[in-house]
C-alpha atoms as a PDB file:
ATOM      1  CA  MET A   1      74.593 127.052 112.027  1.00  0.00           C
ATOM      2  CA  GLU A   2      70.533 126.036 111.675  1.00  0.00           C
ATOM      3  CA  ARG A   3      69.113 123.022 111.413  1.00  0.00           C
ATOM      4  CA  GLY A   4      69.056 121.120 108.662  1.00  0.00           C
ATOM      5  CA  GLU A   5      71.634 123.069 106.965  1.00  0.00           C
ATOM      6  CA  THR A   6      75.439 122.062 105.329  1.00  0.00           C
ATOM      7  CA  ILE A   7      78.229 123.441 106.523  1.00  0.00           C
ATOM      8  CA  VAL A   8      78.885 125.379 103.202  1.00  0.00           C
ATOM      9  CA  GLU A   9      75.275 126.627 103.182  1.00  0.00           C
ATOM     10  CA  ALA A  10      75.534 127.885 107.000  1.00  0.00           C
ATOM     11  CA  LEU A  11      78.972 129.668 105.850  1.00  0.00           C
ATOM     12  CA  GLN A  12      77.084 131.060 102.751  1.00  0.00           C
ATOM     13  CA  ARG A  13      73.820 132.271 104.715  1.00  0.00           C
ATOM     14  CA  GLU A  14      75.893 134.350 107.451  1.00  0.00           C
ATOM     15  CA  VAL A  15      77.917 135.446 104.804  1.00  0.00           C
ATOM     16  CA  LYS A  16      74.864 137.023 103.084  1.00  0.00           C
ATOM     17  CA  GLU A  17      73.312 138.332 106.598  1.00  0.00           C
ATOM     18  CA  GLU A  18      76.306 139.740 107.471  1.00  0.00           C
ATOM     19  CA  ALA A  19      78.063 141.103 104.661  1.00  0.00           C
ATOM     20  CA  GLY A  20      75.645 141.445 102.059  1.00  0.00           C
ATOM     21  CA  LEU A  21      77.485 139.436  99.637  1.00  0.00           C
ATOM     22  CA  HIS A  22      76.834 136.214  98.085  1.00  0.00           C
ATOM     23  CA  CYS A  23      80.337 133.952  98.339  1.00  0.00           C
ATOM     24  CA  GLU A  24      82.128 130.533  97.110  1.00  0.00           C
ATOM     25  CA  PRO A  25      84.424 129.020  99.568  1.00  0.00           C
ATOM     26  CA  LEU A  26      87.570 127.852  98.262  1.00  0.00           C
ATOM     27  CA  THR A  27      89.013 125.804 100.900  1.00  0.00           C
ATOM     28  CA  LEU A  28      88.650 124.773 104.913  1.00  0.00           C
ATOM     29  CA  LEU A  29      91.459 126.849 106.716  1.00  0.00           C
ATOM     30  CA  SER A  30      91.428 125.600 110.014  1.00  0.00           C
ATOM     31  CA  VAL A  31      89.087 124.122 112.978  1.00  0.00           C
ATOM     32  CA  GLU A  32      89.111 125.257 116.413  1.00  0.00           C
ATOM     33  CA  GLU A  33      87.495 123.057 119.019  1.00  0.00           C
ATOM     34  CA  ARG A  34      86.137 123.127 122.601  1.00  0.00           C
ATOM     35  CA  GLY A  35      85.193 119.256 122.890  1.00  0.00           C
ATOM     36  CA  PRO A  36      82.202 118.638 120.804  1.00  0.00           C
ATOM     37  CA  SER A  37      79.625 121.016 121.938  1.00  0.00           C
ATOM     38  CA  TRP A  38      81.758 124.066 120.590  1.00  0.00           C
ATOM     39  CA  ILE A  39      83.800 123.558 117.250  1.00  0.00           C
ATOM     40  CA  ARG A  40      84.059 126.650 114.464  1.00  0.00           C
ATOM     41  CA  PHE A  41      85.114 125.939 110.681  1.00  0.00           C
ATOM     42  CA  THR A  42      87.243 128.825 109.369  1.00  0.00           C
ATOM     43  CA  PHE A  43      87.335 129.135 105.719  1.00  0.00           C
ATOM     44  CA  LEU A  44      88.788 131.055 102.716  1.00  0.00           C
ATOM     45  CA  ALA A  45      85.997 132.127 100.263  1.00  0.00           C
ATOM     46  CA  ARG A  46      85.643 134.694  97.534  1.00  0.00           C
ATOM     47  CA  PRO A  47      83.047 136.959  96.934  1.00  0.00           C
ATOM     48  CA  THR A  48      80.823 136.198  93.869  1.00  0.00           C
ATOM     49  CA  GLY A  49      77.984 138.941  93.961  1.00  0.00           C
ATOM     50  CA  GLY A  50      75.642 140.950  95.929  1.00  0.00           C
ATOM     51  CA  ILE A  51      75.884 144.330  97.321  1.00  0.00           C
ATOM     52  CA  LEU A  52      78.066 145.132 100.331  1.00  0.00           C
ATOM     53  CA  LYS A  53      75.965 146.476 103.037  1.00  0.00           C
ATOM     54  CA  THR A  54      76.417 149.711 104.139  1.00  0.00           C
ATOM     55  CA  SER A  55      74.783 151.365 107.581  1.00  0.00           C
ATOM     56  CA  LYS A  56      71.915 152.030 105.782  1.00  0.00           C
ATOM     57  CA  GLU A  57      70.850 148.488 105.443  1.00  0.00           C
ATOM     58  CA  ALA A  58      71.529 147.904 109.350  1.00  0.00           C
ATOM     59  CA  ASP A  59      69.541 145.098 110.819  1.00  0.00           C
ATOM     60  CA  VAL A  60      69.454 142.660 113.638  1.00  0.00           C
ATOM     61  CA  GLU A  61      72.024 140.624 111.937  1.00  0.00           C
ATOM     62  CA  SER A  62      74.780 143.457 111.240  1.00  0.00           C
ATOM     63  CA  LEU A  63      75.463 146.648 111.049  1.00  0.00           C
ATOM     64  CA  GLN A  64      77.399 147.165 107.976  1.00  0.00           C
ATOM     65  CA  ALA A  65      80.397 146.029 106.310  1.00  0.00           C
ATOM     66  CA  GLY A  66      83.567 147.140 104.390  1.00  0.00           C
ATOM     67  CA  TRP A  67      86.720 146.006 103.132  1.00  0.00           C
ATOM     68  CA  PHE A  68      90.265 146.600 105.379  1.00  0.00           C
ATOM     69  CA  PRO A  69      93.504 146.179 104.690  1.00  0.00           C
ATOM     70  CA  ARG A  70      95.275 143.317 106.717  1.00  0.00           C
ATOM     71  CA  THR A  71      97.865 145.657 108.609  1.00  0.00           C
ATOM     72  CA  SER A  72      95.348 148.398 109.625  1.00  0.00           C
ATOM     73  CA  LEU A  73      91.789 146.601 110.166  1.00  0.00           C
ATOM     74  CA  PRO A  74      89.356 148.668 112.179  1.00  0.00           C
ATOM     75  CA  THR A  75      89.290 149.040 115.929  1.00  0.00           C
ATOM     76  CA  PRO A  76      87.930 148.474 118.413  1.00  0.00           C
ATOM     77  CA  LEU A  77      87.644 144.636 117.404  1.00  0.00           C
ATOM     78  CA  ARG A  78      84.528 142.660 119.000  1.00  0.00           C
ATOM     79  CA  ALA A  79      86.929 139.647 119.136  1.00  0.00           C
ATOM     80  CA  HIS A  80      90.873 139.631 118.872  1.00  0.00           C
ATOM     81  CA  ASP A  81      90.815 135.544 117.998  1.00  0.00           C
ATOM     82  CA  ILE A  82      90.187 136.548 114.451  1.00  0.00           C
ATOM     83  CA  LEU A  83      93.771 138.210 114.169  1.00  0.00           C
ATOM     84  CA  HIS A  84      95.275 134.695 113.702  1.00  0.00           C
ATOM     85  CA  LEU A  85      92.672 133.325 111.349  1.00  0.00           C
ATOM     86  CA  VAL A  86      93.319 136.385 108.908  1.00  0.00           C
ATOM     87  CA  GLU A  87      96.909 136.154 109.108  1.00  0.00           C
ATOM     88  CA  LEU A  88      96.138 132.331 108.169  1.00  0.00           C
ATOM     89  CA  ALA A  89      93.903 133.220 105.529  1.00  0.00           C
ATOM     90  CA  ALA A  90      97.191 135.795 104.038  1.00  0.00           C
ATOM     91  CA  GLN A  91      99.797 132.849 104.314  1.00  0.00           C
ATOM     92  CA  TYR A  92      97.701 130.823 102.642  1.00  0.00           C
ATOM     93  CA  ARG A  93      97.244 132.845  99.430  1.00  0.00           C
ATOM     94  CA  GLN A  94     101.080 133.269  99.556  1.00  0.00           C
ATOM     95  CA  ARG A  95     101.780 129.608  99.851  1.00  0.00           C
ATOM     96  CA  ALA A  96      99.072 126.704 100.304  1.00  0.00           C
ATOM     97  CA  ARG A  97     100.525 124.560 103.064  1.00  0.00           C
ATOM     98  CA  HIS A  98      97.923 121.796 102.224  1.00  0.00           C
ATOM     99  CA  PRO A  99      95.425 121.242  99.177  1.00  0.00           C
ATOM    100  CA  PRO A 100      91.923 122.395  98.864  1.00  0.00           C
ATOM    101  CA  VAL A 101      89.577 121.195 101.064  1.00  0.00           C
ATOM    102  CA  LEU A 102      85.823 121.297 101.547  1.00  0.00           C
ATOM    103  CA  PRO A 103      83.703 119.609 103.525  1.00  0.00           C
ATOM    104  CA  GLN A 104      81.813 116.056 101.945  1.00  0.00           C
ATOM    105  CA  GLU A 105      78.560 116.279 102.072  1.00  0.00           C
ATOM    106  CA  LEU A 106      77.773 112.679 103.755  1.00  0.00           C
ATOM    107  CA  PRO A 107      75.583 111.664 106.944  1.00  0.00           C
ATOM    108  CA  CYS A 108      76.995 111.007 109.939  1.00  0.00           C
ATOM    109  CA  SER A 109      74.955 110.249 113.182  1.00  0.00           C
ATOM    110  CA  LEU A 110      77.767 111.350 116.097  1.00  0.00           C
ATOM    111  CA  VAL A 111      79.972 114.148 116.700  1.00  0.00           C
ATOM    112  CA  CYS A 112      83.273 111.877 115.989  1.00  0.00           C
ATOM    113  CA  GLN A 113      86.624 111.151 114.949  1.00  0.00           C
ATOM    114  CA  ARG A 114      88.317 108.815 111.930  1.00  0.00           C
ATOM    115  CA  LEU A 115      91.684 108.537 112.509  1.00  0.00           C
ATOM    116  CA  VAL A 116      94.319 107.746 110.251  1.00  0.00           C
ATOM    117  CA  ALA A 117      97.099 106.683 112.794  1.00  0.00           C
ATOM    118  CA  THR A 118     100.292 106.338 111.373  1.00  0.00           C
ATOM    119  CA  PHE A 119     103.728 104.771 112.202  1.00  0.00           C
ATOM    120  CA  THR A 120     106.665 105.299 109.497  1.00  0.00           C
ATOM    121  CA  SER A 121     110.026 104.024 109.123  1.00  0.00           C
ATOM    122  CA  ILE A 122     112.591 104.836 106.226  1.00  0.00           C
ATOM    123  CA  GLN A 123     110.230 105.452 103.647  1.00  0.00           C
ATOM    124  CA  THR A 124     107.548 102.614 104.732  1.00  0.00           C
ATOM    125  CA  VAL A 125     104.020 103.448 105.988  1.00  0.00           C
ATOM    126  CA  TRP A 126     101.973 101.283 108.574  1.00  0.00           C
ATOM    127  CA  VAL A 127      98.470 102.581 109.448  1.00  0.00           C
ATOM    128  CA  LEU A 128      96.181 101.447 112.021  1.00  0.00           C
ATOM    129  CA  VAL A 129      93.064  99.159 111.009  1.00  0.00           C
ATOM    130  CA  SER A 130      90.259  98.266 113.451  1.00  0.00           C
ATOM    131  CA  THR A 131      88.867  94.716 112.894  1.00  0.00           C
ATOM    132  CA  VAL A 132      85.730  95.104 114.644  1.00  0.00           C
ATOM    133  CA  GLY A 133      83.315  94.116 111.939  1.00  0.00           C
ATOM    134  CA  MET A 134      84.906  94.558 108.179  1.00  0.00           C
ATOM    135  CA  PRO A 135      88.360  96.111 108.746  1.00  0.00           C
ATOM    136  CA  HIS A 136      88.064  99.664 109.054  1.00  0.00           C
ATOM    137  CA  LEU A 137      89.856 103.177 110.146  1.00  0.00           C
ATOM    138  CA  PRO A 138      88.894 103.383 114.035  1.00  0.00           C
ATOM    139  CA  ILE A 139      86.464 105.821 114.651  1.00  0.00           C
ATOM    140  CA  THR A 140      86.164 107.263 118.397  1.00  0.00           C
ATOM    141  CA  THR A 141      83.987 110.042 120.397  1.00  0.00           C
ATOM    142  CA  SER A 142      84.467 112.242 123.043  1.00  0.00           C
ATOM    143  CA  GLY A 143      83.190 110.706 126.713  1.00  0.00           C
ATOM    144  CA  PHE A 144      80.991 112.502 129.132  1.00  0.00           C
ATOM    145  CA  THR A 145      82.743 113.103 131.521  1.00  0.00           C
ATOM    146  CA  PRO A 146      83.539 116.884 132.311  1.00  0.00           C
ATOM    147  CA  MET A 147      87.491 115.996 131.826  1.00  0.00           C
ATOM    148  CA  GLU A 148      87.479 114.403 128.375  1.00  0.00           C
ATOM    149  CA  GLN A 149      84.881 117.431 127.375  1.00  0.00           C
ATOM    150  CA  ARG A 150      87.656 119.769 128.285  1.00  0.00           C
ATOM    151  CA  GLY A 151      90.164 117.482 126.427  1.00  0.00           C
ATOM    152  CA  GLY A 152      88.125 117.209 123.141  1.00  0.00           C
ATOM    153  CA  LEU A 153      89.984 116.029 120.768  1.00  0.00           C
ATOM    154  CA  LYS A 154      93.405 115.117 121.754  1.00  0.00           C
ATOM    155  CA  MET A 155      91.946 113.210 124.930  1.00  0.00           C
ATOM    156  CA  ALA A 156      89.779 111.235 122.754  1.00  0.00           C
ATOM    157  CA  VAL A 157      92.291 110.138 119.899  1.00  0.00           C
ATOM    158  CA  LEU A 158      94.716 108.729 123.468  1.00  0.00           C
ATOM    159  CA  ARG A 159      91.792 107.110 124.961  1.00  0.00           C
ATOM    160  CA  LEU A 160      91.096 104.911 121.820  1.00  0.00           C
ATOM    161  CA  LEU A 161      95.231 104.567 121.060  1.00  0.00           C
ATOM    162  CA  GLN A 162      95.678 103.301 125.041  1.00  0.00           C
ATOM    163  CA  GLU A 163      93.004 100.484 124.364  1.00  0.00           C
ATOM    164  CA  CYS A 164      95.923  98.770 121.642  1.00  0.00           C
ATOM    165  CA  LEU A 165      98.842 100.208 122.716  1.00  0.00           C
ATOM    166  CA  THR A 166     101.044 100.640 125.209  1.00  0.00           C
ATOM    167  CA  LEU A 167     101.933 104.082 125.350  1.00  0.00           C
ATOM    168  CA  HIS A 168     104.298 105.177 128.227  1.00  0.00           C
ATOM    169  CA  HIS A 169     107.038 104.503 125.638  1.00  0.00           C
ATOM    170  CA  LEU A 170     105.736 105.921 122.417  1.00  0.00           C
ATOM    171  CA  ALA A 171     105.136 109.696 121.367  1.00  0.00           C
ATOM    172  CA  VAL A 172     101.808 110.482 119.684  1.00  0.00           C
ATOM    173  CA  GLU A 173     100.972 113.468 118.222  1.00  0.00           C
ATOM    174  CA  THR A 174      97.668 114.821 116.720  1.00  0.00           C
ATOM    175  CA  LYS A 175      99.096 116.587 113.292  1.00  0.00           C
ATOM    176  CA  GLY A 176      95.479 118.036 111.771  1.00  0.00           C
ATOM    177  CA  LEU A 177      92.755 117.485 109.428  1.00  0.00           C
ATOM    178  CA  LEU A 178      92.730 115.646 106.536  1.00  0.00           C
ATOM    179  CA  GLY A 179      88.980 116.522 105.641  1.00  0.00           C
ATOM    180  CA  LEU A 180      85.735 116.330 107.164  1.00  0.00           C
ATOM    181  CA  GLN A 181      82.042 115.185 106.226  1.00  0.00           C
ATOM    182  CA  HIS A 182      78.920 116.377 107.446  1.00  0.00           C
ATOM    183  CA  LEU A 183      75.349 116.288 105.991  1.00  0.00           C
ATOM    184  CA  GLY A 184      72.853 118.208 108.584  1.00  0.00           C
ATOM    185  CA  ARG A 185      69.625 116.696 107.162  1.00  0.00           C
ATOM    186  CA  ASP A 186      67.440 113.591 107.885  1.00  0.00           C
ATOM    187  CA  HIS A 187      68.314 113.765 111.758  1.00  0.00           C
ATOM    188  CA  THR A 188      71.990 112.983 110.792  1.00  0.00           C
ATOM    189  CA  ASP A 189      73.044 116.309 112.549  1.00  0.00           C
ATOM    190  CA  GLY A 190      76.405 114.801 113.167  1.00  0.00           C
ATOM    191  CA  ILE A 191      79.786 115.706 111.974  1.00  0.00           C
ATOM    192  CA  CYS A 192      82.893 113.041 111.176  1.00  0.00           C
ATOM    193  CA  LEU A 193      86.902 114.831 111.478  1.00  0.00           C
ATOM    194  CA  ASN A 194      89.172 112.921 109.487  1.00  0.00           C
ATOM    195  CA  VAL A 195      92.383 113.023 111.898  1.00  0.00           C
ATOM    196  CA  LEU A 196      95.846 112.836 110.982  1.00  0.00           C
ATOM    197  CA  VAL A 197      97.953 110.847 113.698  1.00  0.00           C
ATOM    198  CA  THR A 198     101.208 109.872 114.086  1.00  0.00           C
ATOM    199  CA  VAL A 199     102.972 106.944 116.758  1.00  0.00           C
ATOM    200  CA  ALA A 200     106.380 107.031 117.037  1.00  0.00           C
ATOM    201  CA  PHE A 201     109.153 105.223 119.774  1.00  0.00           C
ATOM    202  CA  ARG A 202     110.278 107.918 122.168  1.00  0.00           C
ATOM    203  CA  ASN A 203     113.824 106.123 121.715  1.00  0.00           C
ATOM    204  CA  PRO A 204     113.779 105.349 118.207  1.00  0.00           C
ATOM    205  CA  GLY A 205     116.927 103.731 117.641  1.00  0.00           C
ATOM    206  CA  ILE A 206     116.665 101.318 114.878  1.00  0.00           C
ATOM    207  CA  GLN A 207     112.828 100.766 114.806  1.00  0.00           C
ATOM    208  CA  ASP A 208     111.540  99.405 111.266  1.00  0.00           C
ATOM    209  CA  GLU A 209     108.362  97.642 112.906  1.00  0.00           C
ATOM    210  CA  PRO A 210     105.441  99.599 114.352  1.00  0.00           C
ATOM    211  CA  PRO A 211     104.464  98.986 118.317  1.00  0.00           C
ATOM    212  CA  LYS A 212     102.987  95.962 119.110  1.00  0.00           C
ATOM    213  CA  VAL A 213      99.519  95.729 119.399  1.00  0.00           C
ATOM    214  CA  ARG A 214      97.297  94.525 122.243  1.00  0.00           C
ATOM    215  CA  GLY A 215      94.576  92.118 121.759  1.00  0.00           C
ATOM    216  CA  GLU A 216      92.416  91.533 118.175  1.00  0.00           C
ATOM    217  CA  ASN A 217      90.559  94.276 117.663  1.00  0.00           C
ATOM    218  CA  PHE A 218      93.414  96.401 115.680  1.00  0.00           C
ATOM    219  CA  PHE A 219      96.513  95.765 113.376  1.00  0.00           C
ATOM    220  CA  TRP A 220      98.923  97.558 111.460  1.00  0.00           C
ATOM    221  CA  TRP A 221      98.413  97.660 107.506  1.00  0.00           C
ATOM    222  CA  LYS A 222     101.512  98.469 105.806  1.00  0.00           C
ATOM    223  CA  VAL A 223     100.909 100.683 102.710  1.00  0.00           C
ATOM    224  CA  VAL A 224     102.258  99.026  99.677  1.00  0.00           C
ATOM    225  CA  GLU A 225     100.751 101.282  96.912  1.00  0.00           C
ATOM    226  CA  GLU A 226     102.916 103.616  96.191  1.00  0.00           C
ATOM    227  CA  ASP A 227     101.110 106.640  95.351  1.00  0.00           C
ATOM    228  CA  LEU A 228      98.840 106.741  98.679  1.00  0.00           C
ATOM    229  CA  GLN A 229     102.298 105.953 100.598  1.00  0.00           C
ATOM    230  CA  SER A 230     103.722 109.172  99.073  1.00  0.00           C
ATOM    231  CA  GLN A 231     100.711 111.111  99.453  1.00  0.00           C
ATOM    232  CA  LEU A 232     101.137 110.405 103.180  1.00  0.00           C
ATOM    233  CA  LEU A 233     104.837 111.019 103.789  1.00  0.00           C
ATOM    234  CA  GLN A 234     104.119 114.138 101.954  1.00  0.00           C
ATOM    235  CA  ARG A 235     101.029 115.381 104.317  1.00  0.00           C
ATOM    236  CA  LEU A 236     103.529 113.793 107.034  1.00  0.00           C
ATOM    237  CA  GLN A 237     106.796 115.682 106.661  1.00  0.00           C
ATOM    238  CA  GLU A 238     105.461 118.973 105.095  1.00  0.00           C
ATOM    239  CA  SER A 239     102.525 118.679 108.112  1.00  0.00           C
ATOM    240  CA  SER A 240     100.065 119.578 104.953  1.00  0.00           C
ATOM    241  CA  VAL A 241      97.137 119.020 107.070  1.00  0.00           C
ATOM    242  CA  ILE A 242      94.464 121.541 108.225  1.00  0.00           C
ATOM    243  CA  PRO A 243      95.425 122.678 111.614  1.00  0.00           C
ATOM    244  CA  VAL A 244      93.191 121.836 114.445  1.00  0.00           C
ATOM    245  CA  ASN A 245      93.480 124.441 117.454  1.00  0.00           C
ATOM    246  CA  ARG A 246      92.000 124.349 121.239  1.00  0.00           C
END
């Protein structure tokens, strides 16, 4: 990405430079991260115009481009880590695992996460809410120690939850992304990832209430709106979220 670009603008510029094509993004497919200093977004997109770059148009950006069957890509590949992304796109076209999601163009000054931390029991959903200032979904950022930088997204999630929950008897799972926001302009070149997290008892038994919260900075909000509750349950049961990989 270049300074001042949105994520979608960077995607469209790179496709034009490297393939010669204009494109329209259909959905974000996955996010890979190595902490806040390395984040890669993968999109499913369709061509809308332009001319496929051939060897005659070779330049510093790309030698040429071409269409290939998914099962017989050219060799040798520069990087094999794209193979699982190609398969992910094919699977999405056959059966979409999550609704189409594109970045929201909203300013953010930090690289951070907004947690939708949930606890469920018998068709009831609770969401963790921060009470610092106006009630809001908790927000966390990666720390500056080498361990936290290496730990990335999941380490930051655990650090926040340790502030308010006793984790040794709980199972915490980062499910994936519900969406993200980024603008890139006006000195707000941060990004906020909306991360869905589940909290459950390791030995559930009959647990109808969420785990007790320590302190006064957080509380569990019981979701009573039927539409919101059904949407959250569907996302949780079907894992219909954008995957995050390391």
